[in-house]
C-alpha atoms as a PDB file:
ATOM      1  CA  MET A   1      23.359 -16.045  36.381  1.00  0.00           C
ATOM      2  CA  PRO A   2      26.818 -16.263  37.977  1.00  0.00           C
ATOM      3  CA  PRO A   3      27.270 -18.007  41.336  1.00  0.00           C
ATOM      4  CA  LYS A   4      26.878 -15.757  44.363  1.00  0.00           C
ATOM      5  CA  PRO A   5      29.876 -15.135  46.654  1.00  0.00           C
ATOM      6  CA  LYS A   6      29.589 -17.094  49.911  1.00  0.00           C
ATOM      7  CA  THR A   7      31.855 -15.202  52.296  1.00  0.00           C
ATOM      8  CA  ASP A   8      32.125 -11.571  53.346  1.00  0.00           C
ATOM      9  CA  ALA A   9      35.635 -11.473  51.866  1.00  0.00           C
ATOM     10  CA  GLU A  10      34.357 -12.694  48.476  1.00  0.00           C
ATOM     11  CA  ARG A  11      31.522 -10.145  48.540  1.00  0.00           C
ATOM     12  CA  GLN A  12      33.962  -7.331  49.374  1.00  0.00           C
ATOM     13  CA  GLN A  13      36.332  -8.459  46.629  1.00  0.00           C
ATOM     14  CA  LEU A  14      33.521  -8.382  44.063  1.00  0.00           C
ATOM     15  CA  ARG A  15      32.331  -4.961  45.251  1.00  0.00           C
ATOM     16  CA  THR A  16      35.873  -3.654  44.795  1.00  0.00           C
ATOM     17  CA  LEU A  17      36.132  -5.226  41.350  1.00  0.00           C
ATOM     18  CA  ILE A  18      32.809  -3.759  40.252  1.00  0.00           C
ATOM     19  CA  ILE A  19      33.802  -0.281  41.428  1.00  0.00           C
ATOM     20  CA  ASP A  20      37.192  -0.561  39.698  1.00  0.00           C
ATOM     21  CA  ALA A  21      35.556  -1.834  36.502  1.00  0.00           C
ATOM     22  CA  ALA A  22      33.139   1.103  36.460  1.00  0.00           C
ATOM     23  CA  ARG A  23      36.130   3.446  36.563  1.00  0.00           C
ATOM     24  CA  GLY A  24      37.807   1.628  33.706  1.00  0.00           C
ATOM     25  CA  LEU A  25      40.456  -0.205  35.733  1.00  0.00           C
ATOM     26  CA  PHE A  26      40.186  -3.855  36.623  1.00  0.00           C
ATOM     27  CA  VAL A  27      42.833  -5.739  38.562  1.00  0.00           C
ATOM     28  CA  SER A  28      42.526  -9.247  39.954  1.00  0.00           C
ATOM     29  CA  ARG A  29      44.962 -11.926  41.079  1.00  0.00           C
ATOM     30  CA  GLY A  30      44.639 -15.489  42.186  1.00  0.00           C
ATOM     31  CA  VAL A  31      40.925 -16.039  42.685  1.00  0.00           C
ATOM     32  CA  ASP A  32      39.074 -19.307  43.121  1.00  0.00           C
ATOM     33  CA  ALA A  33      37.112 -20.850  40.236  1.00  0.00           C
ATOM     34  CA  VAL A  34      33.707 -19.610  41.431  1.00  0.00           C
ATOM     35  CA  THR A  35      34.956 -16.041  41.767  1.00  0.00           C
ATOM     36  CA  GLU A  36      36.707 -16.297  38.395  1.00  0.00           C
ATOM     37  CA  ARG A  37      33.447 -17.268  36.688  1.00  0.00           C
ATOM     38  CA  THR A  38      31.700 -14.367  38.426  1.00  0.00           C
ATOM     39  CA  ILE A  39      34.386 -11.962  37.225  1.00  0.00           C
ATOM     40  CA  VAL A  40      34.133 -13.283  33.656  1.00  0.00           C
ATOM     41  CA  GLU A  41      30.369 -12.739  33.745  1.00  0.00           C
ATOM     42  CA  LEU A  42      30.968  -9.165  34.951  1.00  0.00           C
ATOM     43  CA  LEU A  43      33.416  -8.629  32.079  1.00  0.00           C
ATOM     44  CA  ARG A  44      30.890  -9.970  29.577  1.00  0.00           C
ATOM     45  CA  ASN A  45      28.299  -7.540  30.929  1.00  0.00           C
ATOM     46  CA  LEU A  46      30.737  -4.637  30.596  1.00  0.00           C
ATOM     47  CA  ARG A  47      31.515  -5.667  27.025  1.00  0.00           C
ATOM     48  CA  ALA A  48      27.807  -5.931  26.220  1.00  0.00           C
ATOM     49  CA  ALA A  49      27.464  -2.393  27.585  1.00  0.00           C
ATOM     50  CA  GLY A  50      29.992  -1.179  25.016  1.00  0.00           C
ATOM     51  CA  LYS A  51      33.081  -1.100  27.268  1.00  0.00           C
ATOM     52  CA  THR A  52      36.484  -2.210  26.070  1.00  0.00           C
ATOM     53  CA  VAL A  53      37.729  -5.113  28.176  1.00  0.00           C
ATOM     54  CA  VAL A  54      41.367  -6.225  28.252  1.00  0.00           C
ATOM     55  CA  VAL A  55      42.308  -9.212  30.406  1.00  0.00           C
ATOM     56  CA  VAL A  56      45.635 -10.835  31.226  1.00  0.00           C
ATOM     57  CA  HIS A  57      44.762 -14.489  31.696  1.00  0.00           C
ATOM     58  CA  HIS A  58      47.101 -17.426  32.282  1.00  0.00           C
ATOM     59  CA  ASP A  59      44.776 -20.442  32.359  1.00  0.00           C
ATOM     60  CA  LEU A  60      44.962 -21.757  28.813  1.00  0.00           C
ATOM     61  CA  GLN A  61      42.192 -24.286  29.462  1.00  0.00           C
ATOM     62  CA  THR A  62      39.550 -21.565  29.877  1.00  0.00           C
ATOM     63  CA  VAL A  63      40.604 -19.143  27.123  1.00  0.00           C
ATOM     64  CA  PRO A  64      38.307 -20.605  24.422  1.00  0.00           C
ATOM     65  CA  GLU A  65      35.380 -20.640  26.859  1.00  0.00           C
ATOM     66  CA  TYR A  66      35.864 -17.137  28.256  1.00  0.00           C
ATOM     67  CA  PHE A  67      37.148 -15.064  25.340  1.00  0.00           C
ATOM     68  CA  ASP A  68      36.506 -14.519  21.647  1.00  0.00           C
ATOM     69  CA  TRP A  69      39.731 -12.616  20.864  1.00  0.00           C
ATOM     70  CA  VAL A  70      43.251 -13.398  22.065  1.00  0.00           C
ATOM     71  CA  ALA A  71      46.763 -11.977  21.850  1.00  0.00           C
ATOM     72  CA  LEU A  72      49.614 -14.419  22.454  1.00  0.00           C
ATOM     73  CA  LEU A  73      52.808 -12.733  23.661  1.00  0.00           C
ATOM     74  CA  ASN A  74      56.334 -13.984  24.256  1.00  0.00           C
ATOM     75  CA  VAL A  75      58.640 -10.963  24.337  1.00  0.00           C
ATOM     76  CA  ARG A  76      56.917 -10.024  21.086  1.00  0.00           C
ATOM     77  CA  ARG A  77      53.472 -10.582  19.633  1.00  0.00           C
ATOM     78  CA  VAL A  78      53.233 -14.185  18.427  1.00  0.00           C
ATOM     79  CA  ALA A  79      49.635 -13.999  17.214  1.00  0.00           C
ATOM     80  CA  CYS A  80      46.533 -11.890  17.680  1.00  0.00           C
ATOM     81  CA  GLY A  81      42.947 -12.362  16.532  1.00  0.00           C
ATOM     82  CA  PRO A  82      39.814 -14.455  17.019  1.00  0.00           C
ATOM     83  CA  VAL A  83      40.371 -17.400  19.370  1.00  0.00           C
ATOM     84  CA  ALA A  84      39.160 -19.875  16.736  1.00  0.00           C
ATOM     85  CA  GLU A  85      41.938 -18.726  14.365  1.00  0.00           C
ATOM     86  CA  VAL A  86      44.793 -17.842  16.728  1.00  0.00           C
ATOM     87  CA  PHE A  87      44.548 -20.364  19.580  1.00  0.00           C
ATOM     88  CA  THR A  88      46.267 -23.157  17.657  1.00  0.00           C
ATOM     89  CA  PRO A  89      48.845 -25.722  18.802  1.00  0.00           C
ATOM     90  CA  GLU A  90      51.429 -24.086  16.516  1.00  0.00           C
ATOM     91  CA  ASN A  91      50.904 -20.603  18.008  1.00  0.00           C
ATOM     92  CA  LEU A  92      50.745 -21.945  21.563  1.00  0.00           C
ATOM     93  CA  ARG A  93      54.061 -23.778  21.106  1.00  0.00           C
ATOM     94  CA  ALA A  94      55.607 -20.617  19.642  1.00  0.00           C
ATOM     95  CA  THR A  95      54.392 -18.752  22.731  1.00  0.00           C
ATOM     96  CA  TYR A  96      55.085 -21.274  25.505  1.00  0.00           C
ATOM     97  CA  GLY A  97      57.710 -23.594  24.014  1.00  0.00           C
ATOM     98  CA  GLU A  98      57.751 -27.037  22.468  1.00  0.00           C
ATOM     99  CA  LYS A  99      57.027 -28.784  25.775  1.00  0.00           C
ATOM    100  CA  ALA A 100      53.996 -26.634  26.560  1.00  0.00           C
ATOM    101  CA  VAL A 101      50.980 -28.527  27.852  1.00  0.00           C
ATOM    102  CA  LEU A 102      48.344 -27.557  25.337  1.00  0.00           C
ATOM    103  CA  PRO A 103      44.665 -27.266  26.213  1.00  0.00           C
ATOM    104  CA  VAL A 104      42.132 -29.558  24.644  1.00  0.00           C
ATOM    105  CA  LEU A 105      40.445 -27.391  22.023  1.00  0.00           C
ATOM    106  CA  LYS A 106      36.765 -27.932  21.267  1.00  0.00           C
END
């Protein structure tokens, strides 16, 4: 069970996200970690219900935990496929550059 929002603003944000998700459009920017986990749980539920879910996500540390499929883009498609196959140091460097700080992969 995801954590419950604590403030009225967080509850309103989640209500808006749920309504948007039901319509097939989901937009979110800059949320705290608790809200992010709640949103990811909502996305998992939508996927389990047969919905197609596409997410733009910039926190490389949480990609393997949150997603099972990933597309890495840098002007062009660098790699696309299951996280276990695509989320490699080589592909991440090709996407973000040689000095990219790479996540610790499990």
